[in-house]
């Protein structure tokens, strides 16, 4: 006798999966933040001419427009107007 999933089991599985997904999404965004110390990349809290973190491919914006974000490479909170030696300008921006 084969076990065919009942509608209740399918719905229950979907509910459980939808409850777990946001937790995994948060864990993924935390893992995306860098681990390199600012001192290793000569980080400064001011832009270098037109080059600044907000225009870098590695910058991950904060929740609101002016809030500090994070970096895919550098550890810690990253202001948009900061800069480091790893700066790489976003294409088209």
PDB file of N, CA and C in Angstrom:
ATOM      1  N   UNK A   1       0.842  -1.165   0.000  1.00  0.00           N
ATOM      2  CA  UNK A   1       0.000   0.000   0.000  1.00  0.00           C
ATOM      3  C   UNK A   1       0.901   1.247   0.000  1.00  0.00           C
ATOM      4  N   UNK A   2       0.769   2.060  -1.025  1.00  0.00           N
ATOM      5  CA  UNK A   2       1.599   3.263  -1.116  1.00  0.00           C
ATOM      6  C   UNK A   2       0.983   4.382  -0.291  1.00  0.00           C
ATOM      7  N   UNK A   3       1.848   5.216   0.224  1.00  0.00           N
ATOM      8  CA  UNK A   3       1.350   6.335   1.016  1.00  0.00           C
ATOM      9  C   UNK A   3       1.275   7.559   0.125  1.00  0.00           C
ATOM     10  N   UNK A   4       0.091   7.982  -0.135  1.00  0.00           N
ATOM     11  CA  UNK A   4      -0.151   9.176  -0.928  1.00  0.00           C
ATOM     12  C   UNK A   4      -0.317  10.342   0.052  1.00  0.00           C
ATOM     13  N   UNK A   5       0.360  11.452  -0.185  1.00  0.00           N
ATOM     14  CA  UNK A   5       0.225  12.561   0.749  1.00  0.00           C
ATOM     15  C   UNK A   5      -1.192  13.123   0.756  1.00  0.00           C
ATOM     16  N   UNK A   6      -1.687  13.363   1.942  1.00  0.00           N
ATOM     17  CA  UNK A   6      -3.022  13.940   2.059  1.00  0.00           C
ATOM     18  C   UNK A   6      -2.922  15.449   1.896  1.00  0.00           C
ATOM     19  N   UNK A   7      -4.034  16.053   1.615  1.00  0.00           N
ATOM     20  CA  UNK A   7      -4.066  17.498   1.465  1.00  0.00           C
ATOM     21  C   UNK A   7      -3.600  18.173   2.754  1.00  0.00           C
ATOM     22  N   UNK A   8      -3.993  17.625   3.901  1.00  0.00           N
ATOM     23  CA  UNK A   8      -3.596  18.192   5.183  1.00  0.00           C
ATOM     24  C   UNK A   8      -2.080  18.167   5.341  1.00  0.00           C
ATOM     25  N   UNK A   9      -1.425  17.078   4.957  1.00  0.00           N
ATOM     26  CA  UNK A   9       0.040  16.983   5.063  1.00  0.00           C
ATOM     27  C   UNK A   9       0.725  17.966   4.121  1.00  0.00           C
ATOM     28  N   UNK A  10       0.204  18.105   2.934  1.00  0.00           N
ATOM     29  CA  UNK A  10       0.793  19.024   1.966  1.00  0.00           C
ATOM     30  C   UNK A  10       0.691  20.459   2.480  1.00  0.00           C
ATOM     31  N   UNK A  11      -0.492  20.844   2.956  1.00  0.00           N
ATOM     32  CA  UNK A  11      -0.694  22.199   3.472  1.00  0.00           C
ATOM     33  C   UNK A  11       0.170  22.422   4.708  1.00  0.00           C
ATOM     34  N   UNK A  12       0.234  21.431   5.576  1.00  0.00           N
ATOM     35  CA  UNK A  12       1.068  21.546   6.773  1.00  0.00           C
ATOM     36  C   UNK A  12       2.528  21.759   6.393  1.00  0.00           C
ATOM     37  N   UNK A  13       3.014  21.037   5.409  1.00  0.00           N
ATOM     38  CA  UNK A  13       4.391  21.196   4.942  1.00  0.00           C
ATOM     39  C   UNK A  13       4.640  22.573   4.364  1.00  0.00           C
ATOM     40  N   UNK A  14       3.656  23.098   3.627  1.00  0.00           N
ATOM     41  CA  UNK A  14       3.796  24.433   3.045  1.00  0.00           C
ATOM     42  C   UNK A  14       3.846  25.496   4.130  1.00  0.00           C
ATOM     43  N   UNK A  15       3.021  25.344   5.163  1.00  0.00           N
ATOM     44  CA  UNK A  15       3.014  26.309   6.267  1.00  0.00           C
ATOM     45  C   UNK A  15       4.355  26.283   6.996  1.00  0.00           C
ATOM     46  N   UNK A  16       4.874  25.099   7.244  1.00  0.00           N
ATOM     47  CA  UNK A  16       6.168  24.982   7.925  1.00  0.00           C
ATOM     48  C   UNK A  16       7.283  25.600   7.085  1.00  0.00           C
ATOM     49  N   UNK A  17       7.248  25.357   5.789  1.00  0.00           N
ATOM     50  CA  UNK A  17       8.278  25.916   4.913  1.00  0.00           C
ATOM     51  C   UNK A  17       8.197  27.433   4.881  1.00  0.00           C
ATOM     52  N   UNK A  18       6.992  27.984   4.857  1.00  0.00           N
ATOM     53  CA  UNK A  18       6.858  29.439   4.808  1.00  0.00           C
ATOM     54  C   UNK A  18       7.291  30.084   6.119  1.00  0.00           C
ATOM     55  N   UNK A  19       7.229  29.355   7.208  1.00  0.00           N
ATOM     56  CA  UNK A  19       7.688  29.887   8.496  1.00  0.00           C
ATOM     57  C   UNK A  19       9.209  29.880   8.574  1.00  0.00           C
ATOM     58  N   UNK A  20       9.859  28.943   7.924  1.00  0.00           N
ATOM     59  CA  UNK A  20      11.309  28.811   7.975  1.00  0.00           C
ATOM     60  C   UNK A  20      11.988  29.757   6.988  1.00  0.00           C
ATOM     61  N   UNK A  21      11.366  30.044   5.866  1.00  0.00           N
ATOM     62  CA  UNK A  21      11.991  30.853   4.821  1.00  0.00           C
ATOM     63  C   UNK A  21      12.499  32.202   5.309  1.00  0.00           C
ATOM     64  N   UNK A  22      11.712  33.017   6.051  1.00  0.00           N
ATOM     65  CA  UNK A  22      12.247  34.308   6.509  1.00  0.00           C
ATOM     66  C   UNK A  22      13.479  34.170   7.400  1.00  0.00           C
ATOM     67  N   UNK A  23      13.535  33.141   8.186  1.00  0.00           N
ATOM     68  CA  UNK A  23      14.694  32.912   9.051  1.00  0.00           C
ATOM     69  C   UNK A  23      15.926  32.638   8.202  1.00  0.00           C
ATOM     70  N   UNK A  24      15.772  31.838   7.158  1.00  0.00           N
ATOM     71  CA  UNK A  24      16.890  31.552   6.274  1.00  0.00           C
ATOM     72  C   UNK A  24      17.316  32.793   5.505  1.00  0.00           C
ATOM     73  N   UNK A  25      16.360  33.629   5.128  1.00  0.00           N
ATOM     74  CA  UNK A  25      16.687  34.867   4.410  1.00  0.00           C
ATOM     75  C   UNK A  25      17.508  35.791   5.295  1.00  0.00           C
ATOM     76  N   UNK A  26      17.156  35.915   6.564  1.00  0.00           N
ATOM     77  CA  UNK A  26      17.925  36.753   7.486  1.00  0.00           C
ATOM     78  C   UNK A  26      19.325  36.204   7.681  1.00  0.00           C
ATOM     79  N   UNK A  27      19.441  34.910   7.806  1.00  0.00           N
ATOM     80  CA  UNK A  27      20.753  34.292   7.986  1.00  0.00           C
ATOM     81  C   UNK A  27      21.613  34.519   6.753  1.00  0.00           C
ATOM     82  N   UNK A  28      21.011  34.466   5.577  1.00  0.00           N
ATOM     83  CA  UNK A  28      21.749  34.692   4.345  1.00  0.00           C
ATOM     84  C   UNK A  28      22.268  36.110   4.237  1.00  0.00           C
ATOM     85  N   UNK A  29      21.479  37.095   4.645  1.00  0.00           N
ATOM     86  CA  UNK A  29      21.937  38.480   4.556  1.00  0.00           C
ATOM     87  C   UNK A  29      23.046  38.746   5.565  1.00  0.00           C
ATOM     88  N   UNK A  30      22.985  38.120   6.714  1.00  0.00           N
ATOM     89  CA  UNK A  30      24.051  38.283   7.695  1.00  0.00           C
ATOM     90  C   UNK A  30      25.343  37.651   7.181  1.00  0.00           C
ATOM     91  N   UNK A  31      25.217  36.532   6.507  1.00  0.00           N
ATOM     92  CA  UNK A  31      26.388  35.854   5.978  1.00  0.00           C
ATOM     93  C   UNK A  31      27.000  36.632   4.827  1.00  0.00           C
ATOM     94  N   UNK A  32      26.199  37.489   4.171  1.00  0.00           N
ATOM     95  CA  UNK A  32      26.701  38.250   3.040  1.00  0.00           C
ATOM     96  C   UNK A  32      27.666  39.354   3.473  1.00  0.00           C
ATOM     97  N   UNK A  33      27.593  39.777   4.718  1.00  0.00           N
ATOM     98  CA  UNK A  33      28.467  40.839   5.200  1.00  0.00           C
ATOM     99  C   UNK A  33      29.905  40.331   5.291  1.00  0.00           C
ATOM    100  N   UNK A  34      30.848  41.229   4.992  1.00  0.00           N
ATOM    101  CA  UNK A  34      32.255  40.855   4.956  1.00  0.00           C
ATOM    102  C   UNK A  34      32.874  40.631   6.330  1.00  0.00           C
ATOM    103  N   UNK A  35      34.077  40.091   6.318  1.00  0.00           N
ATOM    104  CA  UNK A  35      34.787  39.791   7.559  1.00  0.00           C
ATOM    105  C   UNK A  35      36.176  40.440   7.614  1.00  0.00           C
ATOM    106  N   UNK A  36      36.578  41.115   6.558  1.00  0.00           N
ATOM    107  CA  UNK A  36      37.894  41.747   6.518  1.00  0.00           C
ATOM    108  C   UNK A  36      37.894  43.008   7.383  1.00  0.00           C
ATOM    109  N   UNK A  37      38.839  43.141   8.300  1.00  0.00           N
ATOM    110  CA  UNK A  37      38.904  44.345   9.142  1.00  0.00           C
ATOM    111  C   UNK A  37      39.148  45.602   8.304  1.00  0.00           C
ATOM    112  N   UNK A  38      38.548  46.705   8.737  1.00  0.00           N
ATOM    113  CA  UNK A  38      38.710  47.979   8.028  1.00  0.00           C
ATOM    114  C   UNK A  38      40.179  48.370   7.908  1.00  0.00           C
ATOM    115  N   UNK A  39      40.960  48.079   8.936  1.00  0.00           N
ATOM    116  CA  UNK A  39      42.382  48.458   8.910  1.00  0.00           C
ATOM    117  C   UNK A  39      43.148  47.744   7.793  1.00  0.00           C
ATOM    118  N   UNK A  40      42.718  46.552   7.422  1.00  0.00           N
ATOM    119  CA  UNK A  40      43.404  45.792   6.367  1.00  0.00           C
ATOM    120  C   UNK A  40      43.186  46.376   4.975  1.00  0.00           C
ATOM    121  N   UNK A  41      42.144  47.182   4.808  1.00  0.00           N
ATOM    122  CA  UNK A  41      41.832  47.743   3.491  1.00  0.00           C
ATOM    123  C   UNK A  41      41.965  49.264   3.476  1.00  0.00           C
ATOM    124  N   UNK A  42      42.666  49.800   4.483  1.00  0.00           N
ATOM    125  CA  UNK A  42      42.893  51.248   4.613  1.00  0.00           C
ATOM    126  C   UNK A  42      41.582  52.026   4.543  1.00  0.00           C
ATOM    127  N   UNK A  43      40.571  51.509   5.241  1.00  0.00           N
ATOM    128  CA  UNK A  43      39.250  52.135   5.235  1.00  0.00           C
ATOM    129  C   UNK A  43      39.309  53.532   5.821  1.00  0.00           C
ATOM    130  N   UNK A  44      38.579  54.460   5.209  1.00  0.00           N
ATOM    131  CA  UNK A  44      38.426  55.814   5.730  1.00  0.00           C
ATOM    132  C   UNK A  44      36.947  56.186   5.670  1.00  0.00           C
ATOM    133  N   UNK A  45      36.520  57.025   6.569  1.00  0.00           N
ATOM    134  CA  UNK A  45      35.118  57.402   6.667  1.00  0.00           C
ATOM    135  C   UNK A  45      34.741  58.568   5.752  1.00  0.00           C
ATOM    136  N   UNK A  46      35.640  58.947   4.867  1.00  0.00           N
ATOM    137  CA  UNK A  46      35.373  60.011   3.904  1.00  0.00           C
ATOM    138  C   UNK A  46      35.626  59.472   2.494  1.00  0.00           C
ATOM    139  N   UNK A  47      34.961  60.046   1.490  1.00  0.00           N
ATOM    140  CA  UNK A  47      35.170  59.569   0.122  1.00  0.00           C
ATOM    141  C   UNK A  47      36.563  59.906  -0.394  1.00  0.00           C
ATOM    142  N   UNK A  48      36.959  59.235  -1.442  1.00  0.00           N
ATOM    143  CA  UNK A  48      38.226  59.502  -2.123  1.00  0.00           C
ATOM    144  C   UNK A  48      37.854  60.095  -3.480  1.00  0.00           C
ATOM    145  N   UNK A  49      37.658  61.406  -3.505  1.00  0.00           N
ATOM    146  CA  UNK A  49      37.169  62.053  -4.724  1.00  0.00           C
ATOM    147  C   UNK A  49      35.742  61.611  -4.990  1.00  0.00           C
ATOM    148  N   UNK A  50      35.500  61.110  -6.179  1.00  0.00           N
ATOM    149  CA  UNK A  50      34.163  60.619  -6.551  1.00  0.00           C
ATOM    150  C   UNK A  50      33.923  59.184  -6.067  1.00  0.00           C
ATOM    151  N   UNK A  51      34.963  58.512  -5.613  1.00  0.00           N
ATOM    152  CA  UNK A  51      34.857  57.117  -5.166  1.00  0.00           C
ATOM    153  C   UNK A  51      34.363  57.069  -3.715  1.00  0.00           C
ATOM    154  N   UNK A  52      33.272  56.350  -3.492  1.00  0.00           N
ATOM    155  CA  UNK A  52      32.724  56.177  -2.144  1.00  0.00           C
ATOM    156  C   UNK A  52      31.951  54.864  -2.085  1.00  0.00           C
ATOM    157  N   UNK A  53      31.767  54.360  -0.889  1.00  0.00           N
ATOM    158  CA  UNK A  53      31.143  53.051  -0.691  1.00  0.00           C
ATOM    159  C   UNK A  53      29.776  52.921  -1.361  1.00  0.00           C
ATOM    160  N   UNK A  54      28.973  53.984  -1.324  1.00  0.00           N
ATOM    161  CA  UNK A  54      27.646  53.933  -1.925  1.00  0.00           C
ATOM    162  C   UNK A  54      27.673  53.645  -3.416  1.00  0.00           C
ATOM    163  N   UNK A  55      28.807  53.892  -4.081  1.00  0.00           N
ATOM    164  CA  UNK A  55      28.941  53.653  -5.517  1.00  0.00           C
ATOM    165  C   UNK A  55      29.741  52.381  -5.821  1.00  0.00           C
ATOM    166  N   UNK A  56      30.036  51.595  -4.792  1.00  0.00           N
ATOM    167  CA  UNK A  56      30.861  50.388  -4.947  1.00  0.00           C
ATOM    168  C   UNK A  56      30.007  49.139  -5.143  1.00  0.00           C
ATOM    169  N   UNK A  57      30.490  48.201  -5.945  1.00  0.00           N
ATOM    170  CA  UNK A  57      29.765  46.957  -6.197  1.00  0.00           C
ATOM    171  C   UNK A  57      29.623  46.098  -4.946  1.00  0.00           C
ATOM    172  N   UNK A  58      30.486  46.278  -3.966  1.00  0.00           N
ATOM    173  CA  UNK A  58      30.442  45.457  -2.757  1.00  0.00           C
ATOM    174  C   UNK A  58      29.548  46.026  -1.656  1.00  0.00           C
ATOM    175  N   UNK A  59      29.050  47.249  -1.848  1.00  0.00           N
ATOM    176  CA  UNK A  59      28.234  47.906  -0.823  1.00  0.00           C
ATOM    177  C   UNK A  59      26.816  47.337  -0.809  1.00  0.00           C
ATOM    178  N   UNK A  60      26.327  47.046   0.403  1.00  0.00           N
ATOM    179  CA  UNK A  60      24.960  46.565   0.617  1.00  0.00           C
ATOM    180  C   UNK A  60      24.244  47.664   1.398  1.00  0.00           C
ATOM    181  N   UNK A  61      23.303  48.386   0.747  1.00  0.00           N
ATOM    182  CA  UNK A  61      22.652  49.531   1.408  1.00  0.00           C
ATOM    183  C   UNK A  61      21.950  49.158   2.701  1.00  0.00           C
ATOM    184  N   UNK A  62      21.836  50.153   3.593  1.00  0.00           N
ATOM    185  CA  UNK A  62      21.111  49.981   4.846  1.00  0.00           C
ATOM    186  C   UNK A  62      19.611  49.998   4.592  1.00  0.00           C
ATOM    187  N   UNK A  63      18.844  49.860   5.660  1.00  0.00           N
ATOM    188  CA  UNK A  63      17.389  49.782   5.539  1.00  0.00           C
ATOM    189  C   UNK A  63      16.758  51.073   5.044  1.00  0.00           C
ATOM    190  N   UNK A  64      17.303  52.222   5.434  1.00  0.00           N
ATOM    191  CA  UNK A  64      16.772  53.491   4.956  1.00  0.00           C
ATOM    192  C   UNK A  64      17.846  54.182   4.122  1.00  0.00           C
ATOM    193  N   UNK A  65      17.435  55.169   3.355  1.00  0.00           N
ATOM    194  CA  UNK A  65      18.326  55.838   2.414  1.00  0.00           C
ATOM    195  C   UNK A  65      19.671  56.278   2.949  1.00  0.00           C
ATOM    196  N   UNK A  66      19.718  56.938   4.096  1.00  0.00           N
ATOM    197  CA  UNK A  66      20.978  57.446   4.613  1.00  0.00           C
ATOM    198  C   UNK A  66      21.644  56.575   5.654  1.00  0.00           C
ATOM    199  N   UNK A  67      21.008  55.461   6.001  1.00  0.00           N
ATOM    200  CA  UNK A  67      21.557  54.590   7.046  1.00  0.00           C
ATOM    201  C   UNK A  67      22.811  53.872   6.565  1.00  0.00           C
ATOM    202  N   UNK A  68      23.755  53.616   7.468  1.00  0.00           N
ATOM    203  CA  UNK A  68      24.925  52.821   7.082  1.00  0.00           C
ATOM    204  C   UNK A  68      24.491  51.450   6.583  1.00  0.00           C
ATOM    205  N   UNK A  69      25.255  50.925   5.673  1.00  0.00           N
ATOM    206  CA  UNK A  69      24.987  49.589   5.160  1.00  0.00           C
ATOM    207  C   UNK A  69      26.066  48.630   5.611  1.00  0.00           C
ATOM    208  N   UNK A  70      26.283  47.603   4.819  1.00  0.00           N
ATOM    209  CA  UNK A  70      27.357  46.648   5.068  1.00  0.00           C
ATOM    210  C   UNK A  70      28.106  46.455   3.755  1.00  0.00           C
ATOM    211  N   UNK A  71      29.148  45.670   3.817  1.00  0.00           N
ATOM    212  CA  UNK A  71      29.982  45.410   2.647  1.00  0.00           C
ATOM    213  C   UNK A  71      30.137  43.905   2.489  1.00  0.00           C
ATOM    214  N   UNK A  72      30.236  43.462   1.251  1.00  0.00           N
ATOM    215  CA  UNK A  72      30.440  42.038   0.985  1.00  0.00           C
ATOM    216  C   UNK A  72      31.834  41.582   1.416  1.00  0.00           C
ATOM    217  N   UNK A  73      32.742  42.534   1.621  1.00  0.00           N
ATOM    218  CA  UNK A  73      34.127  42.198   1.952  1.00  0.00           C
ATOM    219  C   UNK A  73      34.540  42.704   3.333  1.00  0.00           C
ATOM    220  N   UNK A  74      34.233  43.972   3.611  1.00  0.00           N
ATOM    221  CA  UNK A  74      34.711  44.633   4.829  1.00  0.00           C
ATOM    222  C   UNK A  74      33.712  44.448   5.976  1.00  0.00           C
ATOM    223  N   UNK A  75      34.222  44.186   7.166  1.00  0.00           N
ATOM    224  CA  UNK A  75      33.386  43.946   8.350  1.00  0.00           C
ATOM    225  C   UNK A  75      32.847  45.248   8.934  1.00  0.00           C
ATOM    226  N   UNK A  76      31.691  45.151   9.572  1.00  0.00           N
ATOM    227  CA  UNK A  76      31.132  46.272  10.317  1.00  0.00           C
ATOM    228  C   UNK A  76      30.178  47.131   9.513  1.00  0.00           C
ATOM    229  N   UNK A  77      29.662  48.158  10.195  1.00  0.00           N
ATOM    230  CA  UNK A  77      28.765  49.117   9.551  1.00  0.00           C
ATOM    231  C   UNK A  77      29.583  49.969   8.585  1.00  0.00           C
ATOM    232  N   UNK A  78      29.024  50.189   7.405  1.00  0.00           N
ATOM    233  CA  UNK A  78      29.728  50.937   6.364  1.00  0.00           C
ATOM    234  C   UNK A  78      28.886  52.127   5.924  1.00  0.00           C
ATOM    235  N   UNK A  79      29.327  53.355   6.233  1.00  0.00           N
ATOM    236  CA  UNK A  79      28.627  54.540   5.748  1.00  0.00           C
ATOM    237  C   UNK A  79      28.776  54.659   4.222  1.00  0.00           C
ATOM    238  N   UNK A  80      27.780  55.237   3.578  1.00  0.00           N
ATOM    239  CA  UNK A  80      27.824  55.386   2.118  1.00  0.00           C
ATOM    240  C   UNK A  80      28.985  56.252   1.656  1.00  0.00           C
ATOM    241  N   UNK A  81      29.424  57.198   2.487  1.00  0.00           N
ATOM    242  CA  UNK A  81      30.498  58.109   2.096  1.00  0.00           C
ATOM    243  C   UNK A  81      31.884  57.613   2.453  1.00  0.00           C
ATOM    244  N   UNK A  82      32.005  56.382   2.936  1.00  0.00           N
ATOM    245  CA  UNK A  82      33.319  55.829   3.245  1.00  0.00           C
ATOM    246  C   UNK A  82      34.050  55.408   1.979  1.00  0.00           C
ATOM    247  N   UNK A  83      35.256  54.900   2.146  1.00  0.00           N
ATOM    248  CA  UNK A  83      36.054  54.439   1.000  1.00  0.00           C
ATOM    249  C   UNK A  83      37.133  53.501   1.499  1.00  0.00           C
ATOM    250  N   UNK A  84      37.549  52.538   0.669  1.00  0.00           N
ATOM    251  CA  UNK A  84      38.703  51.690   0.955  1.00  0.00           C
ATOM    252  C   UNK A  84      39.405  51.343  -0.352  1.00  0.00           C
ATOM    253  N   UNK A  85      40.560  50.707  -0.246  1.00  0.00           N
ATOM    254  CA  UNK A  85      41.372  50.388  -1.424  1.00  0.00           C
ATOM    255  C   UNK A  85      40.721  49.340  -2.320  1.00  0.00           C
ATOM    256  N   UNK A  86      39.693  48.673  -1.856  1.00  0.00           N
ATOM    257  CA  UNK A  86      38.996  47.666  -2.662  1.00  0.00           C
ATOM    258  C   UNK A  86      37.872  48.256  -3.503  1.00  0.00           C
ATOM    259  N   UNK A  87      37.707  49.576  -3.492  1.00  0.00           N
ATOM    260  CA  UNK A  87      36.613  50.217  -4.215  1.00  0.00           C
ATOM    261  C   UNK A  87      36.590  49.780  -5.672  1.00  0.00           C
ATOM    262  N   UNK A  88      35.406  49.394  -6.129  1.00  0.00           N
ATOM    263  CA  UNK A  88      35.171  49.037  -7.525  1.00  0.00           C
ATOM    264  C   UNK A  88      33.828  49.610  -7.923  1.00  0.00           C
ATOM    265  N   UNK A  89      33.847  50.580  -8.827  1.00  0.00           N
ATOM    266  CA  UNK A  89      32.633  51.306  -9.200  1.00  0.00           C
ATOM    267  C   UNK A  89      31.594  50.394  -9.828  1.00  0.00           C
ATOM    268  N   UNK A  90      30.326  50.587  -9.402  1.00  0.00           N
ATOM    269  CA  UNK A  90      29.211  49.867  -9.999  1.00  0.00           C
ATOM    270  C   UNK A  90      29.104  50.242 -11.469  1.00  0.00           C
ATOM    271  N   UNK A  91      28.770  49.285 -12.302  1.00  0.00           N
ATOM    272  CA  UNK A  91      28.609  49.594 -13.719  1.00  0.00           C
ATOM    273  C   UNK A  91      27.321  50.383 -13.933  1.00  0.00           C
ATOM    274  N   UNK A  92      27.369  51.335 -14.804  1.00  0.00           N
ATOM    275  CA  UNK A  92      26.204  52.144 -15.124  1.00  0.00           C
ATOM    276  C   UNK A  92      25.871  53.173 -14.061  1.00  0.00           C
ATOM    277  N   UNK A  93      26.719  53.367 -13.042  1.00  0.00           N
ATOM    278  CA  UNK A  93      26.380  54.315 -11.988  1.00  0.00           C
ATOM    279  C   UNK A  93      27.436  55.234 -11.604  1.00  0.00           C
TER     280      UNK A  93
END
